[in-house]
PDB file of N, CA and C in Angstrom:
ATOM      1  N   UNK A   1      68.682 122.737 111.510  1.00  0.00           N
ATOM      2  CA  UNK A   1      68.528 123.358 110.600  1.00  0.00           C
ATOM      3  C   UNK A   1      69.616 123.209 110.075  1.00  0.00           C
ATOM      4  N   UNK A   2      70.261 122.677 108.941  1.00  0.00           N
ATOM      5  CA  UNK A   2      72.029 122.351 108.132  1.00  0.00           C
ATOM      6  C   UNK A   2      72.483 123.518 107.984  1.00  0.00           C
ATOM      7  N   UNK A   3      74.276 123.812 108.241  1.00  0.00           N
ATOM      8  CA  UNK A   3      74.004 124.802 107.377  1.00  0.00           C
ATOM      9  C   UNK A   3      75.199 123.799 106.464  1.00  0.00           C
ATOM     10  N   UNK A   4      75.089 124.288 105.096  1.00  0.00           N
ATOM     11  CA  UNK A   4      76.759 124.516 104.427  1.00  0.00           C
ATOM     12  C   UNK A   4      77.916 124.945 104.604  1.00  0.00           C
ATOM     13  N   UNK A   5      78.911 124.175 104.218  1.00  0.00           N
ATOM     14  CA  UNK A   5      79.819 125.213 104.382  1.00  0.00           C
ATOM     15  C   UNK A   5      80.130 126.298 103.396  1.00  0.00           C
ATOM     16  N   UNK A   6      79.310 126.327 102.186  1.00  0.00           N
ATOM     17  CA  UNK A   6      79.088 127.173 101.575  1.00  0.00           C
ATOM     18  C   UNK A   6      78.296 128.345 101.757  1.00  0.00           C
ATOM     19  N   UNK A   7      77.229 128.406 103.031  1.00  0.00           N
ATOM     20  CA  UNK A   7      76.554 128.641 102.969  1.00  0.00           C
ATOM     21  C   UNK A   7      76.937 129.584 103.849  1.00  0.00           C
ATOM     22  N   UNK A   8      78.265 129.821 104.977  1.00  0.00           N
ATOM     23  CA  UNK A   8      78.442 130.388 105.933  1.00  0.00           C
ATOM     24  C   UNK A   8      78.897 131.529 105.386  1.00  0.00           C
ATOM     25  N   UNK A   9      78.557 132.409 106.841  1.00  0.00           N
ATOM     26  CA  UNK A   9      78.638 134.245 106.811  1.00  0.00           C
ATOM     27  C   UNK A   9      80.291 134.557 106.081  1.00  0.00           C
ATOM     28  N   UNK A  10      80.478 135.064 105.398  1.00  0.00           N
ATOM     29  CA  UNK A  10      82.428 135.073 105.427  1.00  0.00           C
ATOM     30  C   UNK A  10      82.227 136.612 106.490  1.00  0.00           C
ATOM     31  N   UNK A  11      84.092 136.909 106.164  1.00  0.00           N
ATOM     32  CA  UNK A  11      84.613 137.512 107.158  1.00  0.00           C
ATOM     33  C   UNK A  11      85.011 139.200 106.300  1.00  0.00           C
ATOM     34  N   UNK A  12      83.976 140.386 106.995  1.00  0.00           N
ATOM     35  CA  UNK A  12      84.437 141.429 106.648  1.00  0.00           C
ATOM     36  C   UNK A  12      85.475 142.178 106.403  1.00  0.00           C
ATOM     37  N   UNK A  13      85.702 142.075 107.675  1.00  0.00           N
ATOM     38  CA  UNK A  13      87.200 142.806 107.719  1.00  0.00           C
ATOM     39  C   UNK A  13      88.115 142.096 109.313  1.00  0.00           C
ATOM     40  N   UNK A  14      89.028 141.951 109.787  1.00  0.00           N
ATOM     41  CA  UNK A  14      89.812 141.972 110.976  1.00  0.00           C
ATOM     42  C   UNK A  14      90.538 142.689 111.574  1.00  0.00           C
ATOM     43  N   UNK A  15      90.713 143.506 112.388  1.00  0.00           N
ATOM     44  CA  UNK A  15      91.156 144.259 113.229  1.00  0.00           C
ATOM     45  C   UNK A  15      92.255 143.922 114.489  1.00  0.00           C
ATOM     46  N   UNK A  16      93.186 143.693 114.310  1.00  0.00           N
ATOM     47  CA  UNK A  16      94.489 142.807 115.356  1.00  0.00           C
ATOM     48  C   UNK A  16      94.901 144.013 115.735  1.00  0.00           C
ATOM     49  N   UNK A  17      95.568 144.339 116.776  1.00  0.00           N
ATOM     50  CA  UNK A  17      95.954 145.344 117.051  1.00  0.00           C
ATOM     51  C   UNK A  17      96.996 144.868 118.535  1.00  0.00           C
ATOM     52  N   UNK A  18      98.018 145.319 118.635  1.00  0.00           N
ATOM     53  CA  UNK A  18      98.519 144.685 120.047  1.00  0.00           C
ATOM     54  C   UNK A  18      98.764 145.394 120.997  1.00  0.00           C
ATOM     55  N   UNK A  19      98.695 144.784 122.520  1.00  0.00           N
ATOM     56  CA  UNK A  19      98.366 145.495 123.455  1.00  0.00           C
ATOM     57  C   UNK A  19      99.758 145.217 124.390  1.00  0.00           C
ATOM     58  N   UNK A  20     100.666 144.753 123.698  1.00  0.00           N
ATOM     59  CA  UNK A  20     101.009 144.490 125.309  1.00  0.00           C
ATOM     60  C   UNK A  20     102.906 145.643 125.081  1.00  0.00           C
ATOM     61  N   UNK A  21     102.298 146.976 125.043  1.00  0.00           N
ATOM     62  CA  UNK A  21     102.582 148.208 124.836  1.00  0.00           C
ATOM     63  C   UNK A  21     103.430 148.519 123.709  1.00  0.00           C
ATOM     64  N   UNK A  22     103.586 147.502 122.741  1.00  0.00           N
ATOM     65  CA  UNK A  22     103.891 148.115 121.085  1.00  0.00           C
ATOM     66  C   UNK A  22     102.906 148.502 120.607  1.00  0.00           C
ATOM     67  N   UNK A  23     103.118 149.950 120.332  1.00  0.00           N
ATOM     68  CA  UNK A  23     102.233 150.255 119.300  1.00  0.00           C
ATOM     69  C   UNK A  23     101.919 149.932 117.642  1.00  0.00           C
ATOM     70  N   UNK A  24     101.416 148.579 117.566  1.00  0.00           N
ATOM     71  CA  UNK A  24     101.079 148.165 116.095  1.00  0.00           C
ATOM     72  C   UNK A  24      99.540 148.030 115.804  1.00  0.00           C
ATOM     73  N   UNK A  25      98.985 148.112 114.762  1.00  0.00           N
ATOM     74  CA  UNK A  25      97.722 147.699 114.171  1.00  0.00           C
ATOM     75  C   UNK A  25      97.566 147.679 113.075  1.00  0.00           C
ATOM     76  N   UNK A  26      96.408 146.542 112.665  1.00  0.00           N
ATOM     77  CA  UNK A  26      96.304 146.231 111.101  1.00  0.00           C
ATOM     78  C   UNK A  26      95.221 146.232 110.878  1.00  0.00           C
ATOM     79  N   UNK A  27      94.614 146.046 110.129  1.00  0.00           N
ATOM     80  CA  UNK A  27      93.549 146.727 109.763  1.00  0.00           C
ATOM     81  C   UNK A  27      93.021 145.365 108.845  1.00  0.00           C
ATOM     82  N   UNK A  28      92.827 144.233 108.679  1.00  0.00           N
ATOM     83  CA  UNK A  28      92.620 143.022 106.701  1.00  0.00           C
ATOM     84  C   UNK A  28      91.635 142.420 106.890  1.00  0.00           C
ATOM     85  N   UNK A  29      91.350 142.471 105.195  1.00  0.00           N
ATOM     86  CA  UNK A  29      89.971 141.377 104.908  1.00  0.00           C
ATOM     87  C   UNK A  29      89.508 140.016 105.018  1.00  0.00           C
ATOM     88  N   UNK A  30      91.399 139.158 105.313  1.00  0.00           N
ATOM     89  CA  UNK A  30      91.279 138.004 104.796  1.00  0.00           C
ATOM     90  C   UNK A  30      91.758 136.845 106.208  1.00  0.00           C
ATOM     91  N   UNK A  31      91.609 135.828 106.570  1.00  0.00           N
ATOM     92  CA  UNK A  31      92.433 134.976 107.402  1.00  0.00           C
ATOM     93  C   UNK A  31      93.973 135.120 106.888  1.00  0.00           C
ATOM     94  N   UNK A  32      94.143 135.078 105.759  1.00  0.00           N
ATOM     95  CA  UNK A  32      95.788 134.586 105.148  1.00  0.00           C
ATOM     96  C   UNK A  32      96.441 135.961 105.732  1.00  0.00           C
ATOM     97  N   UNK A  33      95.811 137.460 105.550  1.00  0.00           N
ATOM     98  CA  UNK A  33      96.308 137.872 105.819  1.00  0.00           C
ATOM     99  C   UNK A  33      96.471 138.855 106.450  1.00  0.00           C
ATOM    100  N   UNK A  34      95.978 138.282 107.914  1.00  0.00           N
ATOM    101  CA  UNK A  34      95.811 137.993 108.913  1.00  0.00           C
ATOM    102  C   UNK A  34      96.986 137.408 109.856  1.00  0.00           C
ATOM    103  N   UNK A  35      96.820 135.998 109.336  1.00  0.00           N
ATOM    104  CA  UNK A  35      98.238 134.988 109.540  1.00  0.00           C
ATOM    105  C   UNK A  35      99.678 135.970 109.533  1.00  0.00           C
ATOM    106  N   UNK A  36      99.505 136.421 108.320  1.00  0.00           N
ATOM    107  CA  UNK A  36     101.023 137.091 107.887  1.00  0.00           C
ATOM    108  C   UNK A  36     101.452 138.423 108.251  1.00  0.00           C
ATOM    109  N   UNK A  37     100.788 138.746 109.227  1.00  0.00           N
ATOM    110  CA  UNK A  37     100.614 140.093 109.899  1.00  0.00           C
ATOM    111  C   UNK A  37     101.159 139.514 111.704  1.00  0.00           C
ATOM    112  N   UNK A  38     100.276 138.698 112.050  1.00  0.00           N
ATOM    113  CA  UNK A  38     100.700 138.135 113.065  1.00  0.00           C
ATOM    114  C   UNK A  38     102.558 137.137 112.721  1.00  0.00           C
ATOM    115  N   UNK A  39     102.589 136.386 111.968  1.00  0.00           N
ATOM    116  CA  UNK A  39     103.778 136.163 112.002  1.00  0.00           C
ATOM    117  C   UNK A  39     105.056 137.113 111.529  1.00  0.00           C
ATOM    118  N   UNK A  40     104.796 138.463 110.928  1.00  0.00           N
ATOM    119  CA  UNK A  40     105.453 139.571 111.360  1.00  0.00           C
ATOM    120  C   UNK A  40     105.564 140.613 112.142  1.00  0.00           C
ATOM    121  N   UNK A  41     104.735 140.379 113.471  1.00  0.00           N
ATOM    122  CA  UNK A  41     104.715 140.738 114.626  1.00  0.00           C
ATOM    123  C   UNK A  41     105.526 139.855 115.861  1.00  0.00           C
ATOM    124  N   UNK A  42     105.016 137.866 115.548  1.00  0.00           N
ATOM    125  CA  UNK A  42     105.283 137.349 116.433  1.00  0.00           C
ATOM    126  C   UNK A  42     107.499 137.384 115.929  1.00  0.00           C
ATOM    127  N   UNK A  43     107.765 137.670 115.118  1.00  0.00           N
ATOM    128  CA  UNK A  43     109.211 138.061 114.671  1.00  0.00           C
ATOM    129  C   UNK A  43     109.567 139.263 115.405  1.00  0.00           C
ATOM    130  N   UNK A  44     109.149 139.968 115.865  1.00  0.00           N
ATOM    131  CA  UNK A  44     109.217 141.245 116.714  1.00  0.00           C
ATOM    132  C   UNK A  44     108.988 141.139 118.365  1.00  0.00           C
ATOM    133  N   UNK A  45     108.648 139.394 118.732  1.00  0.00           N
ATOM    134  CA  UNK A  45     108.021 139.493 120.316  1.00  0.00           C
ATOM    135  C   UNK A  45     109.196 139.593 121.414  1.00  0.00           C
ATOM    136  N   UNK A  46     109.255 139.673 122.466  1.00  0.00           N
ATOM    137  CA  UNK A  46     110.191 139.337 123.065  1.00  0.00           C
ATOM    138  C   UNK A  46     110.851 138.505 122.976  1.00  0.00           C
ATOM    139  N   UNK A  47     111.914 137.847 123.097  1.00  0.00           N
ATOM    140  CA  UNK A  47     112.809 136.793 123.390  1.00  0.00           C
ATOM    141  C   UNK A  47     112.900 136.248 124.687  1.00  0.00           C
ATOM    142  N   UNK A  48     112.058 136.846 125.548  1.00  0.00           N
ATOM    143  CA  UNK A  48     111.823 135.726 127.140  1.00  0.00           C
ATOM    144  C   UNK A  48     110.332 136.361 127.037  1.00  0.00           C
ATOM    145  N   UNK A  49     108.941 135.616 126.109  1.00  0.00           N
ATOM    146  CA  UNK A  49     107.736 135.735 127.295  1.00  0.00           C
ATOM    147  C   UNK A  49     107.048 135.623 125.683  1.00  0.00           C
ATOM    148  N   UNK A  50     105.992 136.579 125.695  1.00  0.00           N
ATOM    149  CA  UNK A  50     105.450 136.316 124.724  1.00  0.00           C
ATOM    150  C   UNK A  50     105.043 138.105 124.495  1.00  0.00           C
ATOM    151  N   UNK A  51     104.110 138.327 122.803  1.00  0.00           N
ATOM    152  CA  UNK A  51     103.369 139.748 122.509  1.00  0.00           C
ATOM    153  C   UNK A  51     102.145 139.223 122.586  1.00  0.00           C
ATOM    154  N   UNK A  52     101.216 140.198 123.645  1.00  0.00           N
ATOM    155  CA  UNK A  52      99.704 140.014 123.198  1.00  0.00           C
ATOM    156  C   UNK A  52      99.034 140.783 122.190  1.00  0.00           C
ATOM    157  N   UNK A  53      98.009 140.722 121.764  1.00  0.00           N
ATOM    158  CA  UNK A  53      97.405 140.614 120.412  1.00  0.00           C
ATOM    159  C   UNK A  53      95.726 140.779 120.749  1.00  0.00           C
ATOM    160  N   UNK A  54      95.434 141.671 120.306  1.00  0.00           N
ATOM    161  CA  UNK A  54      93.497 141.740 120.253  1.00  0.00           C
ATOM    162  C   UNK A  54      93.501 141.488 119.358  1.00  0.00           C
ATOM    163  N   UNK A  55      92.228 140.488 118.994  1.00  0.00           N
ATOM    164  CA  UNK A  55      92.104 140.107 117.310  1.00  0.00           C
ATOM    165  C   UNK A  55      89.861 140.513 117.545  1.00  0.00           C
ATOM    166  N   UNK A  56      89.720 141.116 116.763  1.00  0.00           N
ATOM    167  CA  UNK A  56      88.199 141.256 116.184  1.00  0.00           C
ATOM    168  C   UNK A  56      87.711 140.956 114.781  1.00  0.00           C
ATOM    169  N   UNK A  57      87.199 140.255 114.817  1.00  0.00           N
ATOM    170  CA  UNK A  57      86.809 139.199 113.085  1.00  0.00           C
ATOM    171  C   UNK A  57      85.351 140.125 113.277  1.00  0.00           C
ATOM    172  N   UNK A  58      84.829 141.195 112.196  1.00  0.00           N
ATOM    173  CA  UNK A  58      83.275 141.680 112.143  1.00  0.00           C
ATOM    174  C   UNK A  58      83.285 140.267 111.143  1.00  0.00           C
ATOM    175  N   UNK A  59      82.000 139.649 111.013  1.00  0.00           N
ATOM    176  CA  UNK A  59      81.695 138.741 109.786  1.00  0.00           C
ATOM    177  C   UNK A  59      80.193 140.106 109.427  1.00  0.00           C
ATOM    178  N   UNK A  60      80.350 139.948 107.563  1.00  0.00           N
ATOM    179  CA  UNK A  60      79.319 140.483 107.213  1.00  0.00           C
ATOM    180  C   UNK A  60      78.034 140.516 107.703  1.00  0.00           C
ATOM    181  N   UNK A  61      77.391 139.893 108.170  1.00  0.00           N
ATOM    182  CA  UNK A  61      76.172 140.216 109.507  1.00  0.00           C
ATOM    183  C   UNK A  61      76.071 141.083 110.333  1.00  0.00           C
ATOM    184  N   UNK A  62      77.441 141.629 111.196  1.00  0.00           N
ATOM    185  CA  UNK A  62      77.770 142.310 111.984  1.00  0.00           C
ATOM    186  C   UNK A  62      78.192 141.518 113.172  1.00  0.00           C
ATOM    187  N   UNK A  63      77.480 140.064 112.767  1.00  0.00           N
ATOM    188  CA  UNK A  63      78.265 140.045 114.359  1.00  0.00           C
ATOM    189  C   UNK A  63      80.223 139.850 114.476  1.00  0.00           C
ATOM    190  N   UNK A  64      80.055 140.481 115.836  1.00  0.00           N
ATOM    191  CA  UNK A  64      81.685 140.280 115.632  1.00  0.00           C
ATOM    192  C   UNK A  64      82.466 138.659 117.279  1.00  0.00           C
ATOM    193  N   UNK A  65      83.038 138.419 116.864  1.00  0.00           N
ATOM    194  CA  UNK A  65      83.745 137.448 118.079  1.00  0.00           C
ATOM    195  C   UNK A  65      85.374 139.160 117.971  1.00  0.00           C
ATOM    196  N   UNK A  66      85.484 138.583 119.560  1.00  0.00           N
ATOM    197  CA  UNK A  66      87.316 139.351 120.066  1.00  0.00           C
ATOM    198  C   UNK A  66      87.859 138.044 120.679  1.00  0.00           C
ATOM    199  N   UNK A  67      88.870 138.146 120.430  1.00  0.00           N
ATOM    200  CA  UNK A  67      89.722 137.012 121.174  1.00  0.00           C
ATOM    201  C   UNK A  67      91.356 138.085 121.462  1.00  0.00           C
ATOM    202  N   UNK A  68      91.699 137.034 122.605  1.00  0.00           N
ATOM    203  CA  UNK A  68      93.208 137.842 122.751  1.00  0.00           C
ATOM    204  C   UNK A  68      93.835 136.402 122.561  1.00  0.00           C
ATOM    205  N   UNK A  69      95.036 137.258 121.489  1.00  0.00           N
ATOM    206  CA  UNK A  69      96.350 135.789 121.848  1.00  0.00           C
ATOM    207  C   UNK A  69      97.622 136.584 121.293  1.00  0.00           C
ATOM    208  N   UNK A  70      98.538 135.114 122.138  1.00  0.00           N
ATOM    209  CA  UNK A  70      99.594 135.121 122.541  1.00  0.00           C
ATOM    210  C   UNK A  70     100.803 135.376 121.489  1.00  0.00           C
ATOM    211  N   UNK A  71     101.669 135.550 121.186  1.00  0.00           N
ATOM    212  CA  UNK A  71     102.467 135.774 120.250  1.00  0.00           C
ATOM    213  C   UNK A  71     103.745 135.550 120.303  1.00  0.00           C
ATOM    214  N   UNK A  72     104.781 134.903 120.016  1.00  0.00           N
ATOM    215  CA  UNK A  72     105.641 134.015 120.633  1.00  0.00           C
ATOM    216  C   UNK A  72     107.188 134.412 119.854  1.00  0.00           C
ATOM    217  N   UNK A  73     108.459 134.563 119.518  1.00  0.00           N
ATOM    218  CA  UNK A  73     109.171 134.790 118.656  1.00  0.00           C
ATOM    219  C   UNK A  73     109.716 133.707 118.648  1.00  0.00           C
ATOM    220  N   UNK A  74     108.909 132.602 118.901  1.00  0.00           N
ATOM    221  CA  UNK A  74     109.791 130.989 118.424  1.00  0.00           C
ATOM    222  C   UNK A  74     108.685 130.487 116.983  1.00  0.00           C
ATOM    223  N   UNK A  75     107.278 131.092 117.135  1.00  0.00           N
ATOM    224  CA  UNK A  75     106.300 131.404 116.232  1.00  0.00           C
ATOM    225  C   UNK A  75     106.725 131.650 115.123  1.00  0.00           C
ATOM    226  N   UNK A  76     106.552 130.233 113.596  1.00  0.00           N
ATOM    227  CA  UNK A  76     106.697 130.839 112.564  1.00  0.00           C
ATOM    228  C   UNK A  76     105.827 130.253 111.469  1.00  0.00           C
ATOM    229  N   UNK A  77     104.718 129.606 111.911  1.00  0.00           N
ATOM    230  CA  UNK A  77     103.927 129.364 111.092  1.00  0.00           C
ATOM    231  C   UNK A  77     102.327 130.058 112.153  1.00  0.00           C
ATOM    232  N   UNK A  78     101.701 130.565 111.933  1.00  0.00           N
ATOM    233  CA  UNK A  78     100.586 130.729 112.503  1.00  0.00           C
ATOM    234  C   UNK A  78      99.005 130.892 111.909  1.00  0.00           C
ATOM    235  N   UNK A  79      98.146 130.310 112.196  1.00  0.00           N
ATOM    236  CA  UNK A  79      96.679 129.957 112.041  1.00  0.00           C
ATOM    237  C   UNK A  79      96.198 130.602 112.426  1.00  0.00           C
ATOM    238  N   UNK A  80      95.448 131.818 112.153  1.00  0.00           N
ATOM    239  CA  UNK A  80      94.671 132.606 113.197  1.00  0.00           C
ATOM    240  C   UNK A  80      93.508 131.866 113.526  1.00  0.00           C
ATOM    241  N   UNK A  81      92.681 131.022 112.412  1.00  0.00           N
ATOM    242  CA  UNK A  81      91.553 130.169 111.708  1.00  0.00           C
ATOM    243  C   UNK A  81      91.322 128.969 112.995  1.00  0.00           C
ATOM    244  N   UNK A  82      92.796 128.507 113.019  1.00  0.00           N
ATOM    245  CA  UNK A  82      92.949 127.089 114.332  1.00  0.00           C
ATOM    246  C   UNK A  82      93.028 127.418 115.108  1.00  0.00           C
ATOM    247  N   UNK A  83      93.813 128.674 115.718  1.00  0.00           N
ATOM    248  CA  UNK A  83      93.817 129.064 117.050  1.00  0.00           C
ATOM    249  C   UNK A  83      91.697 129.978 117.124  1.00  0.00           C
ATOM    250  N   UNK A  84      91.452 130.410 116.669  1.00  0.00           N
ATOM    251  CA  UNK A  84      90.027 130.699 117.216  1.00  0.00           C
ATOM    252  C   UNK A  84      89.255 129.342 117.114  1.00  0.00           C
ATOM    253  N   UNK A  85      89.402 128.160 116.284  1.00  0.00           N
ATOM    254  CA  UNK A  85      88.797 126.863 116.174  1.00  0.00           C
ATOM    255  C   UNK A  85      89.085 126.781 117.389  1.00  0.00           C
ATOM    256  N   UNK A  86      90.227 126.454 118.021  1.00  0.00           N
ATOM    257  CA  UNK A  86      91.296 125.914 118.885  1.00  0.00           C
ATOM    258  C   UNK A  86      89.830 126.647 120.309  1.00  0.00           C
ATOM    259  N   UNK A  87      90.159 127.343 120.835  1.00  0.00           N
ATOM    260  CA  UNK A  87      89.373 128.811 121.456  1.00  0.00           C
ATOM    261  C   UNK A  87      87.625 128.335 121.699  1.00  0.00           C
ATOM    262  N   UNK A  88      87.494 128.003 120.707  1.00  0.00           N
ATOM    263  CA  UNK A  88      85.266 127.889 120.675  1.00  0.00           C
ATOM    264  C   UNK A  88      85.419 126.564 121.029  1.00  0.00           C
ATOM    265  N   UNK A  89      85.792 125.430 120.405  1.00  0.00           N
ATOM    266  CA  UNK A  89      85.525 124.204 120.734  1.00  0.00           C
ATOM    267  C   UNK A  89      86.093 124.222 122.293  1.00  0.00           C
ATOM    268  N   UNK A  90      86.699 124.607 122.932  1.00  0.00           N
ATOM    269  CA  UNK A  90      87.419 124.780 124.349  1.00  0.00           C
ATOM    270  C   UNK A  90      86.330 124.989 124.914  1.00  0.00           C
ATOM    271  N   UNK A  91      85.082 126.448 124.460  1.00  0.00           N
ATOM    272  CA  UNK A  91      84.277 126.502 125.548  1.00  0.00           C
ATOM    273  C   UNK A  91      83.190 125.650 124.943  1.00  0.00           C
ATOM    274  N   UNK A  92      83.227 124.697 124.472  1.00  0.00           N
ATOM    275  CA  UNK A  92      82.326 123.521 124.633  1.00  0.00           C
ATOM    276  C   UNK A  92      82.189 122.156 125.146  1.00  0.00           C
ATOM    277  N   UNK A  93      83.185 122.493 125.713  1.00  0.00           N
ATOM    278  CA  UNK A  93      84.023 121.463 126.473  1.00  0.00           C
ATOM    279  C   UNK A  93      82.656 121.395 127.609  1.00  0.00           C
ATOM    280  N   UNK A  94      82.776 119.994 128.363  1.00  0.00           N
ATOM    281  CA  UNK A  94      81.958 120.119 129.444  1.00  0.00           C
ATOM    282  C   UNK A  94      82.692 121.515 130.717  1.00  0.00           C
ATOM    283  N   UNK A  95      82.401 121.630 131.523  1.00  0.00           N
ATOM    284  CA  UNK A  95      82.971 122.795 132.448  1.00  0.00           C
ATOM    285  C   UNK A  95      84.156 122.313 133.269  1.00  0.00           C
ATOM    286  N   UNK A  96      83.637 121.050 133.604  1.00  0.00           N
ATOM    287  CA  UNK A  96      84.820 120.858 134.878  1.00  0.00           C
ATOM    288  C   UNK A  96      86.668 120.419 133.856  1.00  0.00           C
ATOM    289  N   UNK A  97      86.255 120.017 132.780  1.00  0.00           N
ATOM    290  CA  UNK A  97      87.177 119.838 131.903  1.00  0.00           C
ATOM    291  C   UNK A  97      88.037 120.927 131.195  1.00  0.00           C
ATOM    292  N   UNK A  98      87.275 122.302 131.623  1.00  0.00           N
ATOM    293  CA  UNK A  98      87.910 124.031 130.796  1.00  0.00           C
ATOM    294  C   UNK A  98      88.773 124.068 131.908  1.00  0.00           C
ATOM    295  N   UNK A  99      89.748 124.412 131.062  1.00  0.00           N
ATOM    296  CA  UNK A  99      90.754 125.007 132.076  1.00  0.00           C
ATOM    297  C   UNK A  99      90.952 126.779 131.375  1.00  0.00           C
ATOM    298  N   UNK A 100      92.168 127.699 132.117  1.00  0.00           N
ATOM    299  CA  UNK A 100      92.483 128.678 130.998  1.00  0.00           C
ATOM    300  C   UNK A 100      94.000 128.056 130.932  1.00  0.00           C
ATOM    301  N   UNK A 101      94.337 128.337 129.839  1.00  0.00           N
ATOM    302  CA  UNK A 101      94.799 128.474 129.241  1.00  0.00           C
ATOM    303  C   UNK A 101      96.566 129.453 129.928  1.00  0.00           C
ATOM    304  N   UNK A 102      97.463 128.533 129.529  1.00  0.00           N
ATOM    305  CA  UNK A 102      98.397 129.088 130.140  1.00  0.00           C
ATOM    306  C   UNK A 102      98.774 130.193 129.748  1.00  0.00           C
ATOM    307  N   UNK A 103      99.083 130.384 128.211  1.00  0.00           N
ATOM    308  CA  UNK A 103      98.849 131.693 128.030  1.00  0.00           C
ATOM    309  C   UNK A 103      98.566 133.388 128.112  1.00  0.00           C
ATOM    310  N   UNK A 104      97.179 132.989 128.831  1.00  0.00           N
ATOM    311  CA  UNK A 104      96.413 133.829 129.353  1.00  0.00           C
ATOM    312  C   UNK A 104      95.297 134.379 128.335  1.00  0.00           C
ATOM    313  N   UNK A 105      95.325 133.519 127.451  1.00  0.00           N
ATOM    314  CA  UNK A 105      94.321 134.367 126.359  1.00  0.00           C
ATOM    315  C   UNK A 105      92.697 133.821 126.588  1.00  0.00           C
ATOM    316  N   UNK A 106      91.899 134.865 125.851  1.00  0.00           N
ATOM    317  CA  UNK A 106      90.519 134.997 127.310  1.00  0.00           C
ATOM    318  C   UNK A 106      89.739 135.299 125.283  1.00  0.00           C
ATOM    319  N   UNK A 107      88.507 135.110 125.915  1.00  0.00           N
ATOM    320  CA  UNK A 107      87.786 134.677 125.024  1.00  0.00           C
ATOM    321  C   UNK A 107      86.169 135.375 125.360  1.00  0.00           C
ATOM    322  N   UNK A 108      86.095 136.507 124.211  1.00  0.00           N
ATOM    323  CA  UNK A 108      85.089 137.251 124.552  1.00  0.00           C
ATOM    324  C   UNK A 108      83.723 137.131 122.976  1.00  0.00           C
ATOM    325  N   UNK A 109      82.736 136.895 123.182  1.00  0.00           N
ATOM    326  CA  UNK A 109      82.323 136.873 121.928  1.00  0.00           C
ATOM    327  C   UNK A 109      80.903 137.742 122.263  1.00  0.00           C
ATOM    328  N   UNK A 110      80.809 138.959 121.000  1.00  0.00           N
ATOM    329  CA  UNK A 110      79.909 139.670 121.049  1.00  0.00           C
ATOM    330  C   UNK A 110      78.542 139.353 119.947  1.00  0.00           C
ATOM    331  N   UNK A 111      78.064 139.681 120.229  1.00  0.00           N
ATOM    332  CA  UNK A 111      76.526 139.279 119.223  1.00  0.00           C
ATOM    333  C   UNK A 111      75.818 140.362 119.425  1.00  0.00           C
ATOM    334  N   UNK A 112      76.172 141.486 118.406  1.00  0.00           N
ATOM    335  CA  UNK A 112      74.909 142.731 118.129  1.00  0.00           C
ATOM    336  C   UNK A 112      73.567 142.908 117.834  1.00  0.00           C
ATOM    337  N   UNK A 113      73.493 142.019 116.755  1.00  0.00           N
ATOM    338  CA  UNK A 113      72.446 141.988 116.288  1.00  0.00           C
ATOM    339  C   UNK A 113      71.482 140.562 116.853  1.00  0.00           C
ATOM    340  N   UNK A 114      72.058 140.163 117.713  1.00  0.00           N
ATOM    341  CA  UNK A 114      70.997 138.378 118.137  1.00  0.00           C
ATOM    342  C   UNK A 114      70.453 139.012 119.689  1.00  0.00           C
ATOM    343  N   UNK A 115      69.707 138.355 120.426  1.00  0.00           N
ATOM    344  CA  UNK A 115      69.252 138.957 121.144  1.00  0.00           C
ATOM    345  C   UNK A 115      69.830 137.954 122.440  1.00  0.00           C
ATOM    346  N   UNK A 116      70.259 137.360 122.245  1.00  0.00           N
ATOM    347  CA  UNK A 116      71.718 136.350 122.464  1.00  0.00           C
ATOM    348  C   UNK A 116      72.362 136.062 122.207  1.00  0.00           C
ATOM    349  N   UNK A 117      72.947 135.558 122.922  1.00  0.00           N
ATOM    350  CA  UNK A 117      75.371 135.347 122.595  1.00  0.00           C
ATOM    351  C   UNK A 117      74.554 133.995 122.358  1.00  0.00           C
ATOM    352  N   UNK A 118      74.709 133.625 120.497  1.00  0.00           N
ATOM    353  CA  UNK A 118      75.592 132.602 119.745  1.00  0.00           C
ATOM    354  C   UNK A 118      76.355 131.547 120.890  1.00  0.00           C
ATOM    355  N   UNK A 119      75.941 130.582 120.822  1.00  0.00           N
ATOM    356  CA  UNK A 119      76.567 129.341 121.606  1.00  0.00           C
ATOM    357  C   UNK A 119      78.234 129.199 120.889  1.00  0.00           C
ATOM    358  N   UNK A 120      79.132 128.693 121.352  1.00  0.00           N
ATOM    359  CA  UNK A 120      79.921 128.440 120.567  1.00  0.00           C
ATOM    360  C   UNK A 120      80.385 127.437 119.009  1.00  0.00           C
ATOM    361  N   UNK A 121      78.957 126.150 119.868  1.00  0.00           N
ATOM    362  CA  UNK A 121      78.384 125.816 118.166  1.00  0.00           C
ATOM    363  C   UNK A 121      78.098 126.023 117.018  1.00  0.00           C
ATOM    364  N   UNK A 122      77.097 126.642 117.643  1.00  0.00           N
ATOM    365  CA  UNK A 122      76.699 127.450 116.951  1.00  0.00           C
ATOM    366  C   UNK A 122      77.235 128.194 115.980  1.00  0.00           C
ATOM    367  N   UNK A 123      78.705 129.447 116.605  1.00  0.00           N
ATOM    368  CA  UNK A 123      79.458 129.918 115.547  1.00  0.00           C
ATOM    369  C   UNK A 123      79.878 129.396 114.699  1.00  0.00           C
ATOM    370  N   UNK A 124      80.451 128.319 115.162  1.00  0.00           N
ATOM    371  CA  UNK A 124      81.331 126.735 113.605  1.00  0.00           C
ATOM    372  C   UNK A 124      80.341 126.625 113.046  1.00  0.00           C
ATOM    373  N   UNK A 125      79.251 126.295 113.107  1.00  0.00           N
ATOM    374  CA  UNK A 125      78.655 126.055 112.110  1.00  0.00           C
ATOM    375  C   UNK A 125      78.116 127.063 111.610  1.00  0.00           C
ATOM    376  N   UNK A 126      77.762 128.318 111.569  1.00  0.00           N
ATOM    377  CA  UNK A 126      77.262 129.599 110.826  1.00  0.00           C
ATOM    378  C   UNK A 126      78.530 130.303 110.259  1.00  0.00           C
ATOM    379  N   UNK A 127      79.672 130.771 110.721  1.00  0.00           N
ATOM    380  CA  UNK A 127      80.696 131.235 110.755  1.00  0.00           C
ATOM    381  C   UNK A 127      81.505 130.813 109.692  1.00  0.00           C
ATOM    382  N   UNK A 128      82.342 131.521 108.964  1.00  0.00           N
ATOM    383  CA  UNK A 128      83.086 131.028 108.091  1.00  0.00           C
ATOM    384  C   UNK A 128      84.768 131.479 108.514  1.00  0.00           C
ATOM    385  N   UNK A 129      85.086 129.906 109.594  1.00  0.00           N
ATOM    386  CA  UNK A 129      86.386 130.829 110.176  1.00  0.00           C
ATOM    387  C   UNK A 129      86.862 129.455 109.994  1.00  0.00           C
TER     388      UNK A 129
END
């Protein structure tokens, strides 16, 4: 079954939370708004090292994607969609080539309404990221 881009399932909400000791939370409805929040928070990241954020994307069908990303003060433009696609594509690569990112980013995929978790390929094909 081929899913056209116009048939992809949209994002219902994006929850962003700082998890590096700074108490900040945001709830937005689009990737563009999430980018703006992350760019603003990157400006407040530590001078050395990076701040950490937990991202939870809830899609209209209830599917949830959770990930952690690092924020560096030097980041001026952030594309959450690009980061998520990179994470998912890294998951589809053969196991020997897969490496843990230096920034400590991790990925957890939850599919509460499906019997088996979706593969990264299936998620990229089905959901509007």
